[in-house]
Amino acid sequence: MDAKVRSEEKFVKLSIAYEGKEEGELVCSTIDKITSKYDIKPESYTCHISDTKNVVVLEYHDDVDREAGAIFEEIIKTLNIDICD
């Protein structure tokens, strides 16, 4: 699993690449559990990279108060992702 964060003025995006069904279920359940605790909700989608790899993307638009940073940090720590570009 690896992650990448992109941020602009009021926009922030977290992409998490995972491999296989087991990792996918872990990533999706973790995201659902954590994002459900917050009032702001992300737009999300999944992209197919290869036969075995997928990426789930979370985007927050108009994040004036920059709440998404704490949400992303919690997701990354919970999934034990050490490196996030």
C-alpha atoms as a PDB file:
ATOM      1  CA  MET A   1       0.000   0.000   0.000  1.00  0.00           C
ATOM      2  CA  ASP A   2       1.172   3.502  -0.709  1.00  0.00           C
ATOM      3  CA  ALA A   3      -0.382   6.946  -0.584  1.00  0.00           C
ATOM      4  CA  LYS A   4      -0.060  10.345  -2.186  1.00  0.00           C
ATOM      5  CA  VAL A   5      -1.536  13.680  -1.101  1.00  0.00           C
ATOM      6  CA  ARG A   6      -2.080  16.667  -3.357  1.00  0.00           C
ATOM      7  CA  SER A   7      -3.192  19.991  -1.978  1.00  0.00           C
ATOM      8  CA  GLU A   8      -4.122  23.368  -3.383  1.00  0.00           C
ATOM      9  CA  GLU A   9      -5.781  26.389  -1.849  1.00  0.00           C
ATOM     10  CA  LYS A  10      -9.198  24.883  -0.973  1.00  0.00           C
ATOM     11  CA  PHE A  11      -8.763  21.447  -2.507  1.00  0.00           C
ATOM     12  CA  VAL A  12      -7.055  18.361  -1.123  1.00  0.00           C
ATOM     13  CA  LYS A  13      -6.813  14.846  -2.517  1.00  0.00           C
ATOM     14  CA  LEU A  14      -5.584  11.561  -1.040  1.00  0.00           C
ATOM     15  CA  SER A  15      -4.833   8.618  -3.320  1.00  0.00           C
ATOM     16  CA  ILE A  16      -4.184   5.178  -1.840  1.00  0.00           C
ATOM     17  CA  ALA A  17      -2.925   2.388  -4.069  1.00  0.00           C
ATOM     18  CA  TYR A  18      -3.630  -1.143  -2.935  1.00  0.00           C
ATOM     19  CA  GLU A  19      -3.250  -4.645  -4.286  1.00  0.00           C
ATOM     20  CA  GLY A  20      -5.738  -7.485  -4.049  1.00  0.00           C
ATOM     21  CA  LYS A  21      -9.164  -7.986  -2.560  1.00  0.00           C
ATOM     22  CA  GLU A  22      -8.018  -8.203   1.067  1.00  0.00           C
ATOM     23  CA  GLU A  23      -6.110  -4.907   0.982  1.00  0.00           C
ATOM     24  CA  GLY A  24      -8.982  -3.293  -0.896  1.00  0.00           C
ATOM     25  CA  GLU A  25     -11.497  -4.305   1.751  1.00  0.00           C
ATOM     26  CA  LEU A  26      -9.193  -3.023   4.504  1.00  0.00           C
ATOM     27  CA  VAL A  27      -8.653   0.324   2.769  1.00  0.00           C
ATOM     28  CA  CYS A  28     -12.347   0.857   1.994  1.00  0.00           C
ATOM     29  CA  SER A  29     -13.589  -0.148   5.445  1.00  0.00           C
ATOM     30  CA  THR A  30     -10.982   2.079   7.117  1.00  0.00           C
ATOM     31  CA  ILE A  31     -11.949   5.039   4.944  1.00  0.00           C
ATOM     32  CA  ASP A  32     -15.663   4.495   5.613  1.00  0.00           C
ATOM     33  CA  LYS A  33     -15.136   4.165   9.352  1.00  0.00           C
ATOM     34  CA  ILE A  34     -12.998   7.292   9.658  1.00  0.00           C
ATOM     35  CA  THR A  35     -14.846   9.606   7.251  1.00  0.00           C
ATOM     36  CA  SER A  36     -18.196   8.760   8.862  1.00  0.00           C
ATOM     37  CA  LYS A  37     -17.016  10.443  12.087  1.00  0.00           C
ATOM     38  CA  TYR A  38     -16.746  13.846  10.407  1.00  0.00           C
ATOM     39  CA  ASP A  39     -19.346  16.292   9.122  1.00  0.00           C
ATOM     40  CA  ILE A  40     -17.500  17.030   5.880  1.00  0.00           C
ATOM     41  CA  LYS A  41     -17.751  14.265   3.307  1.00  0.00           C
ATOM     42  CA  PRO A  42     -15.326  13.563   0.468  1.00  0.00           C
ATOM     43  CA  GLU A  43     -16.007  12.776  -3.121  1.00  0.00           C
ATOM     44  CA  SER A  44     -14.478   9.361  -3.769  1.00  0.00           C
ATOM     45  CA  TYR A  45     -13.796   7.044  -6.655  1.00  0.00           C
ATOM     46  CA  THR A  46     -11.695   3.994  -7.467  1.00  0.00           C
ATOM     47  CA  CYS A  47      -9.427   3.566 -10.488  1.00  0.00           C
ATOM     48  CA  HIS A  48      -8.129   0.306 -11.913  1.00  0.00           C
ATOM     49  CA  ILE A  49      -4.334   0.499 -12.490  1.00  0.00           C
ATOM     50  CA  SER A  50      -3.454  -3.053 -13.489  1.00  0.00           C
ATOM     51  CA  ASP A  51      -4.769  -6.599 -13.176  1.00  0.00           C
ATOM     52  CA  THR A  52      -4.013  -6.577  -9.463  1.00  0.00           C
ATOM     53  CA  LYS A  53      -3.675  -2.899  -8.433  1.00  0.00           C
ATOM     54  CA  ASN A  54      -6.328  -0.275  -7.798  1.00  0.00           C
ATOM     55  CA  VAL A  55      -6.356   3.245  -6.396  1.00  0.00           C
ATOM     56  CA  VAL A  56      -9.024   4.799  -4.224  1.00  0.00           C
ATOM     57  CA  VAL A  57      -9.148   8.602  -4.321  1.00  0.00           C
ATOM     58  CA  LEU A  58     -10.703  10.928  -1.749  1.00  0.00           C
ATOM     59  CA  GLU A  59     -11.211  14.581  -2.649  1.00  0.00           C
ATOM     60  CA  TYR A  60     -12.387  17.445  -0.509  1.00  0.00           C
ATOM     61  CA  HIS A  61     -13.407  20.631  -2.310  1.00  0.00           C
ATOM     62  CA  ASP A  62     -13.825  23.997  -0.588  1.00  0.00           C
ATOM     63  CA  ASP A  63     -11.957  22.772   2.495  1.00  0.00           C
ATOM     64  CA  VAL A  64     -11.544  26.293   3.842  1.00  0.00           C
ATOM     65  CA  ASP A  65     -10.836  25.139   7.410  1.00  0.00           C
ATOM     66  CA  ARG A  66      -8.428  22.438   6.217  1.00  0.00           C
ATOM     67  CA  GLU A  67     -10.221  19.694   8.132  1.00  0.00           C
ATOM     68  CA  ALA A  68      -9.285  17.067   5.565  1.00  0.00           C
ATOM     69  CA  GLY A  69      -5.638  17.039   6.667  1.00  0.00           C
ATOM     70  CA  ALA A  70      -6.526  15.511  10.023  1.00  0.00           C
ATOM     71  CA  ILE A  71      -8.824  12.986   8.343  1.00  0.00           C
ATOM     72  CA  PHE A  72      -6.115  11.960   5.869  1.00  0.00           C
ATOM     73  CA  GLU A  73      -3.553  11.672   8.655  1.00  0.00           C
ATOM     74  CA  GLU A  74      -5.865   9.393  10.637  1.00  0.00           C
ATOM     75  CA  ILE A  75      -6.482   7.176   7.589  1.00  0.00           C
ATOM     76  CA  ILE A  76      -2.770   6.938   6.776  1.00  0.00           C
ATOM     77  CA  LYS A  77      -1.808   6.103  10.376  1.00  0.00           C
ATOM     78  CA  THR A  78      -4.600   3.537  10.747  1.00  0.00           C
ATOM     79  CA  LEU A  79      -3.476   1.776   7.560  1.00  0.00           C
ATOM     80  CA  ASN A  80       0.174   1.866   8.745  1.00  0.00           C
ATOM     81  CA  ILE A  81       1.350   3.641   5.600  1.00  0.00           C
ATOM     82  CA  ASP A  82       4.885   4.837   6.342  1.00  0.00           C
ATOM     83  CA  ILE A  83       5.584   6.824   3.187  1.00  0.00           C
ATOM     84  CA  CYS A  84       3.155   9.327   1.744  1.00  0.00           C
ATOM     85  CA  ASP A  85       4.333  11.507  -1.124  1.00  0.00           C
END
